[in-house]
C-alpha atoms as a PDB file:
ATOM      1  CA  LEU A   1     105.621 -22.932  84.426  1.00  0.00           C
ATOM      2  CA  ARG A   2     102.352 -21.306  85.587  1.00  0.00           C
ATOM      3  CA  LEU A   3     101.149 -21.178  81.993  1.00  0.00           C
ATOM      4  CA  SER A   4     101.751 -24.888  81.368  1.00  0.00           C
ATOM      5  CA  LYS A   5     100.225 -25.811  84.764  1.00  0.00           C
ATOM      6  CA  GLU A   6      97.192 -23.714  84.015  1.00  0.00           C
ATOM      7  CA  CYS A   7      96.739 -25.532  80.707  1.00  0.00           C
ATOM      8  CA  LYS A   8      97.588 -28.949  82.145  1.00  0.00           C
ATOM      9  CA  TYR A   9     100.288 -29.249  79.597  1.00  0.00           C
ATOM     10  CA  LYS A  10     102.848 -31.947  80.460  1.00  0.00           C
ATOM     11  CA  ASN A  11     105.408 -32.450  77.734  1.00  0.00           C
ATOM     12  CA  ALA A  12     108.182 -30.638  75.907  1.00  0.00           C
ATOM     13  CA  GLY A  13     107.370 -27.278  74.615  1.00  0.00           C
ATOM     14  CA  THR A  14     108.659 -23.747  74.413  1.00  0.00           C
ATOM     15  CA  VAL A  15     107.358 -20.530  75.854  1.00  0.00           C
ATOM     16  CA  GLU A  16     109.002 -17.565  74.114  1.00  0.00           C
ATOM     17  CA  PHE A  17     109.293 -14.141  75.673  1.00  0.00           C
ATOM     18  CA  LEU A  18     111.500 -11.057  75.694  1.00  0.00           C
ATOM     19  CA  VAL A  19     113.004  -9.517  78.816  1.00  0.00           C
ATOM     20  CA  ASP A  20     113.740  -5.809  78.942  1.00  0.00           C
ATOM     21  CA  GLU A  21     116.657  -4.099  80.732  1.00  0.00           C
ATOM     22  CA  ILE A  22     114.810  -3.956  83.990  1.00  0.00           C
ATOM     23  CA  GLY A  23     113.620  -7.564  84.065  1.00  0.00           C
ATOM     24  CA  ARG A  24     110.078  -7.171  82.716  1.00  0.00           C
ATOM     25  CA  HIS A  25     108.896 -10.201  80.673  1.00  0.00           C
ATOM     26  CA  TYR A  26     106.865  -9.794  77.427  1.00  0.00           C
ATOM     27  CA  PHE A  27     105.080 -12.935  76.165  1.00  0.00           C
ATOM     28  CA  ILE A  28     105.555 -13.886  72.441  1.00  0.00           C
ATOM     29  CA  GLU A  29     104.193 -17.359  71.940  1.00  0.00           C
ATOM     30  CA  VAL A  30     103.926 -20.958  73.058  1.00  0.00           C
ATOM     31  CA  ASN A  31     105.041 -23.864  70.865  1.00  0.00           C
ATOM     32  CA  PRO A  32     103.767 -27.248  72.104  1.00  0.00           C
ATOM     33  CA  ARG A  33     106.661 -29.040  70.414  1.00  0.00           C
ATOM     34  CA  ILE A  34     110.378 -29.291  70.540  1.00  0.00           C
ATOM     35  CA  GLN A  35     112.121 -26.421  68.785  1.00  0.00           C
ATOM     36  CA  VAL A  36     115.057 -26.940  66.413  1.00  0.00           C
ATOM     37  CA  GLU A  37     117.075 -24.968  68.828  1.00  0.00           C
ATOM     38  CA  HIS A  38     116.489 -27.541  71.617  1.00  0.00           C
ATOM     39  CA  THR A  39     120.115 -28.602  71.467  1.00  0.00           C
ATOM     40  CA  VAL A  40     121.127 -25.279  73.097  1.00  0.00           C
ATOM     41  CA  THR A  41     118.974 -26.165  76.173  1.00  0.00           C
ATOM     42  CA  GLU A  42     120.342 -29.683  76.200  1.00  0.00           C
ATOM     43  CA  GLU A  43     123.934 -28.400  76.091  1.00  0.00           C
ATOM     44  CA  ILE A  44     123.569 -26.135  79.139  1.00  0.00           C
ATOM     45  CA  THR A  45     121.260 -28.377  81.229  1.00  0.00           C
ATOM     46  CA  GLY A  46     122.548 -31.871  80.380  1.00  0.00           C
ATOM     47  CA  ILE A  47     118.930 -32.995  79.711  1.00  0.00           C
ATOM     48  CA  ASP A  48     118.110 -35.045  76.667  1.00  0.00           C
ATOM     49  CA  ILE A  49     114.823 -33.320  75.697  1.00  0.00           C
ATOM     50  CA  VAL A  50     113.911 -35.828  72.962  1.00  0.00           C
ATOM     51  CA  GLN A  51     114.339 -38.805  75.209  1.00  0.00           C
ATOM     52  CA  SER A  52     112.400 -36.997  77.911  1.00  0.00           C
ATOM     53  CA  GLN A  53     109.500 -36.282  75.565  1.00  0.00           C
ATOM     54  CA  ILE A  54     109.356 -39.944  74.567  1.00  0.00           C
ATOM     55  CA  ARG A  55     109.348 -41.096  78.158  1.00  0.00           C
ATOM     56  CA  ILE A  56     106.552 -38.665  79.075  1.00  0.00           C
ATOM     57  CA  ALA A  57     104.585 -40.003  76.132  1.00  0.00           C
ATOM     58  CA  GLN A  58     105.100 -43.493  77.581  1.00  0.00           C
ATOM     59  CA  GLY A  59     103.352 -42.368  80.771  1.00  0.00           C
ATOM     60  CA  TYR A  60     106.228 -41.422  83.002  1.00  0.00           C
ATOM     61  CA  SER A  61     105.828 -38.298  85.064  1.00  0.00           C
ATOM     62  CA  LEU A  62     108.281 -35.421  85.017  1.00  0.00           C
ATOM     63  CA  GLU A  63     109.320 -36.395  88.495  1.00  0.00           C
ATOM     64  CA  GLU A  64     109.901 -40.036  87.531  1.00  0.00           C
ATOM     65  CA  ILE A  65     112.357 -39.027  84.828  1.00  0.00           C
ATOM     66  CA  GLY A  66     114.100 -36.511  87.080  1.00  0.00           C
ATOM     67  CA  LEU A  67     112.663 -33.335  85.683  1.00  0.00           C
ATOM     68  CA  VAL A  68     111.918 -31.226  88.705  1.00  0.00           C
ATOM     69  CA  GLN A  69     112.200 -27.512  88.023  1.00  0.00           C
ATOM     70  CA  ASP A  70     114.076 -26.662  91.231  1.00  0.00           C
ATOM     71  CA  LYS A  71     116.724 -29.275  90.374  1.00  0.00           C
ATOM     72  CA  ILE A  72     117.455 -28.165  86.818  1.00  0.00           C
ATOM     73  CA  THR A  73     120.578 -26.121  86.642  1.00  0.00           C
ATOM     74  CA  HIS A  74     122.343 -24.152  83.907  1.00  0.00           C
ATOM     75  CA  ARG A  75     126.044 -24.804  83.213  1.00  0.00           C
ATOM     76  CA  GLY A  76     127.709 -22.294  81.045  1.00  0.00           C
ATOM     77  CA  PHE A  77     126.408 -20.782  77.813  1.00  0.00           C
ATOM     78  CA  ALA A  78     125.614 -22.056  74.317  1.00  0.00           C
ATOM     79  CA  ILE A  79     124.851 -20.372  71.007  1.00  0.00           C
ATOM     80  CA  GLN A  80     123.399 -21.907  67.912  1.00  0.00           C
ATOM     81  CA  ALA A  81     123.635 -20.221  64.500  1.00  0.00           C
ATOM     82  CA  ARG A  82     122.113 -21.120  61.167  1.00  0.00           C
ATOM     83  CA  VAL A  83     123.237 -20.115  57.687  1.00  0.00           C
ATOM     84  CA  THR A  84     120.403 -19.091  55.465  1.00  0.00           C
ATOM     85  CA  THR A  85     120.235 -17.724  51.932  1.00  0.00           C
ATOM     86  CA  GLU A  86     118.298 -14.784  50.507  1.00  0.00           C
ATOM     87  CA  ASN A  87     118.325 -13.298  47.051  1.00  0.00           C
ATOM     88  CA  PRO A  88     118.585  -9.476  47.282  1.00  0.00           C
ATOM     89  CA  ALA A  89     117.682  -9.210  43.602  1.00  0.00           C
ATOM     90  CA  ASN A  90     114.397 -11.041  44.269  1.00  0.00           C
ATOM     91  CA  ASN A  91     113.097  -9.035  47.227  1.00  0.00           C
ATOM     92  CA  PHE A  92     115.262 -11.044  49.631  1.00  0.00           C
ATOM     93  CA  ALA A  93     113.225 -14.257  48.911  1.00  0.00           C
ATOM     94  CA  PRO A  94     114.746 -17.493  50.242  1.00  0.00           C
ATOM     95  CA  ASP A  95     117.273 -18.884  47.803  1.00  0.00           C
ATOM     96  CA  TYR A  96     119.625 -21.824  47.298  1.00  0.00           C
ATOM     97  CA  GLY A  97     123.161 -22.309  46.101  1.00  0.00           C
ATOM     98  CA  ARG A  98     126.674 -23.058  47.051  1.00  0.00           C
ATOM     99  CA  LEU A  99     128.318 -21.372  50.076  1.00  0.00           C
ATOM    100  CA  ASP A 100     131.652 -20.089  48.836  1.00  0.00           C
ATOM    101  CA  VAL A 101     132.652 -17.766  51.703  1.00  0.00           C
ATOM    102  CA  PHE A 102     131.727 -17.607  55.453  1.00  0.00           C
ATOM    103  CA  ARG A 103     132.827 -14.741  57.717  1.00  0.00           C
ATOM    104  CA  ALA A 104     132.109 -15.272  61.373  1.00  0.00           C
ATOM    105  CA  GLY A 105     131.503 -12.216  63.577  1.00  0.00           C
ATOM    106  CA  GLU A 106     134.608 -11.208  65.573  1.00  0.00           C
ATOM    107  CA  GLY A 107     136.047  -8.403  67.466  1.00  0.00           C
ATOM    108  CA  MET A 108     135.223  -6.613  70.707  1.00  0.00           C
ATOM    109  CA  GLY A 109     132.082  -7.945  72.495  1.00  0.00           C
ATOM    110  CA  ILE A 110     131.752 -10.925  70.186  1.00  0.00           C
END
Protein backbone atom coordinates (compact mmCIF):
# COMPACT_ATOMS: atom_id res chain seq x y z
CA LEU A 1 0.00 0.00 0.00
CA ARG A 2 2.81 2.42 0.80
CA LEU A 3 4.28 1.89 -2.68
CA SER A 4 0.99 2.71 -4.44
CA LYS A 5 0.35 5.71 -2.18
CA GLU A 6 3.84 7.08 -2.84
CA CYS A 7 3.27 6.77 -6.60
CA LYS A 8 -0.31 8.11 -6.30
CA TYR A 9 -1.51 4.96 -8.07
CA LYS A 10 -5.24 4.39 -7.61
CA ASN A 11 -6.46 1.42 -9.60
CA ALA A 12 -6.09 -2.32 -9.86
CA GLY A 13 -2.57 -3.62 -9.95
CA THR A 14 -0.27 -6.23 -8.50
CA VAL A 15 2.79 -5.91 -6.32
CA GLU A 16 4.72 -9.18 -6.31
CA PHE A 17 7.10 -10.23 -3.60
CA LEU A 18 8.46 -13.31 -1.87
CA VAL A 19 8.35 -13.89 1.88
CA ASP A 20 11.01 -15.98 3.57
CA GLU A 21 10.53 -18.32 6.53
CA ILE A 22 10.97 -15.54 9.09
CA GLY A 23 8.61 -13.06 7.41
CA ARG A 24 11.04 -10.85 5.47
CA HIS A 25 9.60 -9.52 2.21
CA TYR A 26 11.59 -9.38 -1.04
CA PHE A 27 10.20 -7.12 -3.78
CA ILE A 28 9.93 -8.60 -7.30
CA GLU A 29 7.84 -6.25 -9.47
CA VAL A 30 4.77 -4.05 -9.89
CA ASN A 31 2.21 -4.70 -12.62
CA PRO A 32 -0.16 -1.74 -13.13
CA ARG A 33 -2.85 -4.00 -14.53
CA ILE A 34 -5.05 -6.90 -13.55
CA GLN A 35 -3.19 -10.21 -13.64
CA VAL A 36 -4.68 -13.33 -15.22
CA GLU A 37 -4.62 -14.83 -11.72
CA HIS A 38 -6.97 -12.13 -10.37
CA THR A 39 -9.74 -14.71 -10.00
CA VAL A 40 -7.83 -16.24 -7.05
CA THR A 41 -8.03 -12.92 -5.20
CA GLU A 42 -11.69 -12.52 -6.17
CA GLU A 43 -12.46 -16.00 -4.85
CA ILE A 44 -11.05 -15.42 -1.37
CA THR A 45 -12.10 -11.77 -0.93
CA GLY A 46 -15.47 -11.68 -2.70
CA ILE A 47 -14.38 -8.54 -4.58
CA ASP A 48 -15.06 -8.26 -8.32
CA ILE A 49 -11.73 -6.73 -9.35
CA VAL A 50 -12.71 -6.05 -12.98
CA GLN A 51 -15.90 -4.24 -11.95
CA SER A 52 -13.93 -2.30 -9.34
CA GLN A 53 -11.36 -1.21 -11.93
CA ILE A 54 -14.11 0.03 -14.25
CA ARG A 55 -15.79 1.98 -11.44
CA ILE A 56 -12.49 3.58 -10.45
CA ALA A 57 -11.94 4.58 -14.10
CA GLN A 58 -15.40 6.20 -13.98
CA GLY A 59 -14.18 8.42 -11.18
CA TYR A 60 -15.36 6.61 -8.06
CA SER A 61 -12.95 6.55 -5.14
CA LEU A 62 -11.85 3.33 -3.47
CA GLU A 63 -13.90 4.29 -0.45
CA GLU A 64 -17.03 4.96 -2.55
CA ILE A 65 -16.95 1.42 -3.94
CA GLY A 66 -16.26 -0.15 -0.55
CA LEU A 67 -12.57 -0.90 -0.99
CA VAL A 68 -11.04 0.10 2.31
CA GLN A 69 -7.97 -1.99 3.12
CA ASP A 70 -8.87 -2.56 6.78
CA LYS A 71 -12.27 -3.96 5.74
CA ILE A 72 -10.99 -6.44 3.13
CA THR A 73 -10.93 -9.94 4.56
CA HIS A 74 -9.68 -13.29 3.30
CA ARG A 75 -12.00 -16.27 3.41
CA GLY A 76 -10.37 -19.64 2.81
CA PHE A 77 -7.82 -20.50 0.18
CA ALA A 78 -7.76 -20.72 -3.60
CA ILE A 79 -5.34 -22.20 -6.11
CA GLN A 80 -5.20 -21.63 -9.84
CA ALA A 81 -3.30 -23.90 -12.19
CA ARG A 82 -2.47 -23.63 -15.88
CA VAL A 83 -1.61 -26.38 -18.30
CA THR A 84 1.19 -25.36 -20.63
CA THR A 85 3.08 -27.30 -23.27
CA GLU A 86 6.79 -27.51 -23.96
CA ASN A 87 8.71 -29.57 -26.45
CA PRO A 88 11.71 -31.28 -24.80
CA ALA A 89 13.09 -32.15 -28.26
CA ASN A 90 13.18 -28.43 -29.13
CA ASN A 91 14.98 -27.02 -26.06
CA PHE A 92 11.64 -26.97 -24.18
CA ALA A 93 10.24 -24.28 -26.47
CA PRO A 94 6.49 -23.61 -26.18
CA ASP A 95 4.50 -26.11 -28.20
CA TYR A 96 0.94 -26.97 -29.13
CA GLY A 97 -1.07 -30.14 -29.50
CA ARG A 98 -3.76 -32.27 -28.01
CA LEU A 99 -3.79 -33.06 -24.30
CA ASP A 100 -4.26 -36.83 -24.04
CA VAL A 101 -3.43 -37.43 -20.36
CA PHE A 102 -3.52 -35.25 -17.24
CA ARG A 103 -2.23 -36.41 -13.88
CA ALA A 104 -2.97 -34.12 -10.95
CA GLY A 105 -0.59 -34.00 -7.99
CA GLU A 106 -1.74 -36.10 -5.08
CA GLY A 107 -0.53 -37.68 -1.89
CA MET A 108 0.74 -36.48 1.46
CA GLY A 109 0.87 -32.67 1.70
CA ILE A 110 -0.95 -32.06 -1.57
